[in-house]
């Protein structure tokens, strides 16, 4: 974003960002329209270009804002709980999922943007998007105990990241279908409980039994 954007009054910054987040949250990147953003923000298109260099720059800024907001929420709730995150990979993901769902429910536009990242073509923009995600993800999912794992951690992380993308999409679809927050929350947590119960049967090393005497 150009420096002129950060010199705007905070209220105007938030108005522009809200319009951009709503547009990118409701439409894939290619279909998202700067014209609709400026209309919603009540500024001219020329005025918008005083604050951004390109549509891609605005998109990446909004994406960074969404990931930052989500992981800030997660870290804040961890601090409030005054309990360290579990070192076990599945327990860690279950703990974080219980926190994340509350953010999803009150941030539908940002959730929509995060869901639609998965639809980006495999190009330079997608690589930039993945790099932003990995930075935030690593801050919460580092320090996992690998001693019991029967598979490489990197492969398990890839699998669970895929499940994260799926469950976020499922939440968005449920919200768009008009389900109540309680119904969406219950479905999301039940889905994660199911995934983790299945994974628990296959990702750990068999426990060694003592020799018979």
Protein backbone atom coordinates (compact mmCIF):
# COMPACT_ATOMS: atom_id res chain seq x y z
CA UNK A 1 0.00 0.00 0.00
CA UNK A 2 1.21 3.51 -0.73
CA UNK A 3 2.12 5.75 2.19
CA UNK A 4 -0.79 8.04 1.31
CA UNK A 5 -3.15 5.31 2.54
CA UNK A 6 -1.61 5.30 6.00
CA UNK A 7 -1.89 9.09 6.20
CA UNK A 8 -5.66 8.85 5.85
CA UNK A 9 -7.86 9.15 8.94
CA UNK A 10 -8.26 5.72 10.51
CA UNK A 11 -12.00 5.71 9.84
CA UNK A 12 -11.44 6.20 6.09
CA UNK A 13 -8.76 3.50 6.03
CA UNK A 14 -11.20 1.09 7.64
CA UNK A 15 -13.97 2.05 5.21
CA UNK A 16 -11.77 1.26 2.21
CA UNK A 17 -10.52 -1.97 3.77
CA UNK A 18 -14.03 -3.08 4.68
CA UNK A 19 -15.14 -2.55 1.08
CA UNK A 20 -12.11 -4.44 -0.24
CA UNK A 21 -12.50 -7.31 2.22
CA UNK A 22 -16.18 -7.66 1.36
CA UNK A 23 -15.38 -7.76 -2.37
CA UNK A 24 -12.49 -10.21 -2.10
CA UNK A 25 -14.47 -12.26 0.42
CA UNK A 26 -17.41 -12.63 -1.94
CA UNK A 27 -15.52 -13.16 -5.20
CA UNK A 28 -12.48 -15.03 -6.43
CA UNK A 29 -9.51 -12.78 -7.19
CA UNK A 30 -10.03 -12.70 -10.96
CA UNK A 31 -13.71 -11.82 -10.60
CA UNK A 32 -13.26 -9.21 -7.86
CA UNK A 33 -13.91 -5.66 -9.06
CA UNK A 34 -12.14 -2.48 -8.07
CA UNK A 35 -15.18 -0.64 -9.42
CA UNK A 36 -17.40 -2.28 -6.82
CA UNK A 37 -14.82 -1.55 -4.11
CA UNK A 38 -14.71 2.19 -4.88
CA UNK A 39 -18.50 2.33 -5.08
CA UNK A 40 -18.85 0.69 -1.67
CA UNK A 41 -16.10 2.88 -0.20
CA UNK A 42 -17.59 6.02 -1.80
CA UNK A 43 -14.34 7.12 -3.39
CA UNK A 44 -13.31 7.52 -7.02
CA UNK A 45 -11.23 4.91 -8.82
CA UNK A 46 -8.55 7.51 -9.32
CA UNK A 47 -8.69 8.19 -5.61
CA UNK A 48 -8.17 4.50 -4.87
CA UNK A 49 -5.03 4.48 -7.02
CA UNK A 50 -3.63 7.23 -4.83
CA UNK A 51 -3.52 4.56 -2.10
CA UNK A 52 -2.66 1.37 -3.99
CA UNK A 53 -0.27 0.45 -6.79
CA UNK A 54 -2.43 -2.39 -8.11
CA UNK A 55 -5.33 -4.72 -7.45
CA UNK A 56 -2.82 -7.39 -6.44
CA UNK A 57 -1.27 -5.13 -3.83
CA UNK A 58 -4.68 -4.41 -2.31
CA UNK A 59 -5.54 -8.11 -2.34
CA UNK A 60 -2.31 -9.10 -0.60
CA UNK A 61 -2.80 -6.36 2.00
CA UNK A 62 -6.33 -7.59 2.71
CA UNK A 63 -5.10 -11.18 2.92
CA UNK A 64 -2.35 -10.20 5.36
CA UNK A 65 -4.95 -8.32 7.39
CA UNK A 66 -7.22 -11.39 7.52
CA UNK A 67 -4.50 -13.86 8.51
CA UNK A 68 -3.06 -11.42 11.06
CA UNK A 69 -6.48 -10.85 12.60
CA UNK A 70 -7.21 -14.59 12.84
CA UNK A 71 -3.88 -15.53 14.38
CA UNK A 72 -3.92 -12.52 16.70
CA UNK A 73 -7.25 -13.80 17.98
CA UNK A 74 -5.83 -17.30 18.42
CA UNK A 75 -2.78 -16.06 20.32
CA UNK A 76 -4.89 -13.79 22.52
CA UNK A 77 -7.17 -16.65 23.50
CA UNK A 78 -4.18 -18.86 24.27
CA UNK A 79 -2.85 -16.18 26.62
CA UNK A 80 -6.24 -15.78 28.30
CA UNK A 81 -6.52 -19.53 28.85
CA UNK A 82 -3.19 -19.47 30.73
CA UNK A 83 -2.59 -23.02 29.49
CA UNK A 84 0.21 -23.95 27.07
CA UNK A 85 -0.89 -25.43 23.77
CA UNK A 86 -0.62 -29.23 23.66
CA UNK A 87 2.56 -30.60 22.11
CA UNK A 88 0.65 -33.44 20.46
CA UNK A 89 -0.17 -32.55 16.86
CA UNK A 90 -3.84 -33.60 16.93
CA UNK A 91 -4.55 -32.11 20.33
CA UNK A 92 -2.92 -28.87 19.14
CA UNK A 93 -5.16 -28.69 16.07
CA UNK A 94 -8.27 -29.47 18.11
CA UNK A 95 -7.41 -26.75 20.61
CA UNK A 96 -6.80 -24.18 17.90
CA UNK A 97 -9.93 -25.18 15.97
CA UNK A 98 -12.07 -24.46 19.04
CA UNK A 99 -10.62 -20.95 19.10
CA UNK A 100 -10.71 -20.34 15.35
CA UNK A 101 -14.40 -21.13 14.91
CA UNK A 102 -15.36 -18.16 17.10
CA UNK A 103 -13.39 -15.83 14.80
CA UNK A 104 -14.90 -17.39 11.69
CA UNK A 105 -18.43 -16.78 12.96
CA UNK A 106 -17.94 -13.03 13.42
CA UNK A 107 -15.70 -12.34 10.40
CA UNK A 108 -17.51 -13.75 7.34
CA UNK A 109 -15.85 -11.41 4.83
CA UNK A 110 -12.34 -12.25 5.97
CA UNK A 111 -13.26 -15.94 6.16
CA UNK A 112 -14.52 -15.74 2.59
CA UNK A 113 -11.22 -14.25 1.47
CA UNK A 114 -9.22 -16.98 3.21
CA UNK A 115 -11.39 -19.71 1.68
CA UNK A 116 -10.97 -18.29 -1.82
CA UNK A 117 -7.18 -18.25 -1.56
CA UNK A 118 -7.32 -21.97 -2.31
CA UNK A 119 -8.83 -21.15 -5.72
CA UNK A 120 -5.95 -18.99 -6.87
CA UNK A 121 -4.19 -20.29 -10.01
CA UNK A 122 -0.78 -21.78 -9.27
CA UNK A 123 1.16 -18.64 -10.13
CA UNK A 124 3.27 -15.99 -8.45
CA UNK A 125 0.30 -14.56 -6.55
CA UNK A 126 -0.52 -17.98 -5.11
CA UNK A 127 3.09 -18.36 -3.94
CA UNK A 128 2.92 -14.98 -2.21
CA UNK A 129 -0.36 -15.96 -0.58
CA UNK A 130 1.11 -19.24 0.68
CA UNK A 131 4.13 -17.44 2.13
CA UNK A 132 1.88 -15.10 4.11
CA UNK A 133 -0.08 -18.05 5.49
CA UNK A 134 3.02 -20.08 6.40
CA UNK A 135 4.45 -17.20 8.45
CA UNK A 136 1.36 -16.99 10.66
CA UNK A 137 0.84 -20.74 10.80
CA UNK A 138 4.37 -21.41 12.02
CA UNK A 139 3.94 -19.01 14.93
CA UNK A 140 1.17 -21.18 16.41
CA UNK A 141 2.10 -24.67 15.24
CA UNK A 142 5.81 -24.77 16.04
CA UNK A 143 7.22 -26.91 18.83
CA UNK A 144 5.14 -30.02 18.16
CA UNK A 145 6.22 -33.32 19.71
CA UNK A 146 7.33 -35.62 16.90
CA UNK A 147 8.56 -38.51 19.08
CA UNK A 148 5.39 -40.60 18.64
CA UNK A 149 4.77 -39.83 14.98
CA UNK A 150 5.05 -42.66 12.48
CA UNK A 151 5.24 -40.33 9.48
CA UNK A 152 7.29 -37.23 8.60
CA UNK A 153 5.93 -34.12 10.33
CA UNK A 154 5.98 -32.14 7.07
CA UNK A 155 3.63 -34.62 5.39
CA UNK A 156 1.24 -34.60 8.34
CA UNK A 157 1.24 -30.80 8.38
CA UNK A 158 0.40 -30.76 4.66
CA UNK A 159 -2.51 -33.13 5.30
CA UNK A 160 -3.88 -31.14 8.20
CA UNK A 161 -3.49 -27.86 6.32
CA UNK A 162 -5.64 -29.38 3.59
CA UNK A 163 -8.22 -30.28 6.23
CA UNK A 164 -8.04 -26.74 7.60
CA UNK A 165 -8.87 -25.38 4.15
CA UNK A 166 -11.75 -27.86 3.79
CA UNK A 167 -13.27 -27.10 7.18
CA UNK A 168 -13.03 -23.33 6.61
CA UNK A 169 -14.89 -23.82 3.34
CA UNK A 170 -17.52 -25.94 5.08
CA UNK A 171 -18.06 -23.22 7.70
CA UNK A 172 -18.50 -20.56 5.03
CA UNK A 173 -21.00 -22.71 3.13
CA UNK A 174 -22.98 -23.35 6.30
CA UNK A 175 -23.04 -19.64 7.13
CA UNK A 176 -24.11 -18.72 3.61
CA UNK A 177 -26.88 -21.32 3.87
CA UNK A 178 -28.29 -19.43 6.85
CA UNK A 179 -27.38 -21.90 9.59
CA UNK A 180 -27.33 -20.50 13.12
CA UNK A 181 -23.96 -19.88 14.81
CA UNK A 182 -24.67 -22.76 17.17
CA UNK A 183 -25.33 -25.14 14.27
CA UNK A 184 -22.22 -24.01 12.40
CA UNK A 185 -20.05 -24.31 15.50
CA UNK A 186 -21.34 -27.78 16.32
CA UNK A 187 -20.86 -29.06 12.76
CA UNK A 188 -17.32 -27.65 12.58
CA UNK A 189 -16.20 -29.10 15.90
CA UNK A 190 -17.83 -32.46 15.18
CA UNK A 191 -16.04 -32.56 11.83
CA UNK A 192 -12.66 -31.88 13.44
CA UNK A 193 -13.32 -34.45 16.17
CA UNK A 194 -14.07 -37.03 13.47
CA UNK A 195 -10.97 -36.19 11.43
CA UNK A 196 -8.72 -36.36 14.48
CA UNK A 197 -10.24 -39.64 15.69
CA UNK A 198 -9.49 -41.20 12.29
CA UNK A 199 -6.01 -39.72 12.06
CA UNK A 200 -5.18 -40.90 15.58
CA UNK A 201 -5.43 -44.49 14.35
CA UNK A 202 -2.85 -43.99 11.65
CA UNK A 203 -0.27 -41.30 12.35
CA UNK A 204 1.38 -42.63 15.50
CA UNK A 205 4.01 -45.31 15.86
CA UNK A 206 2.75 -48.55 17.39
CA UNK A 207 3.59 -48.63 21.06
CA UNK A 208 6.25 -51.19 21.85
CA UNK A 209 5.07 -53.90 24.19
CA UNK A 210 7.35 -55.40 26.79
CA UNK A 211 8.91 -58.81 26.19
CA UNK A 212 6.92 -61.68 27.61
CA UNK A 213 8.72 -63.34 30.55
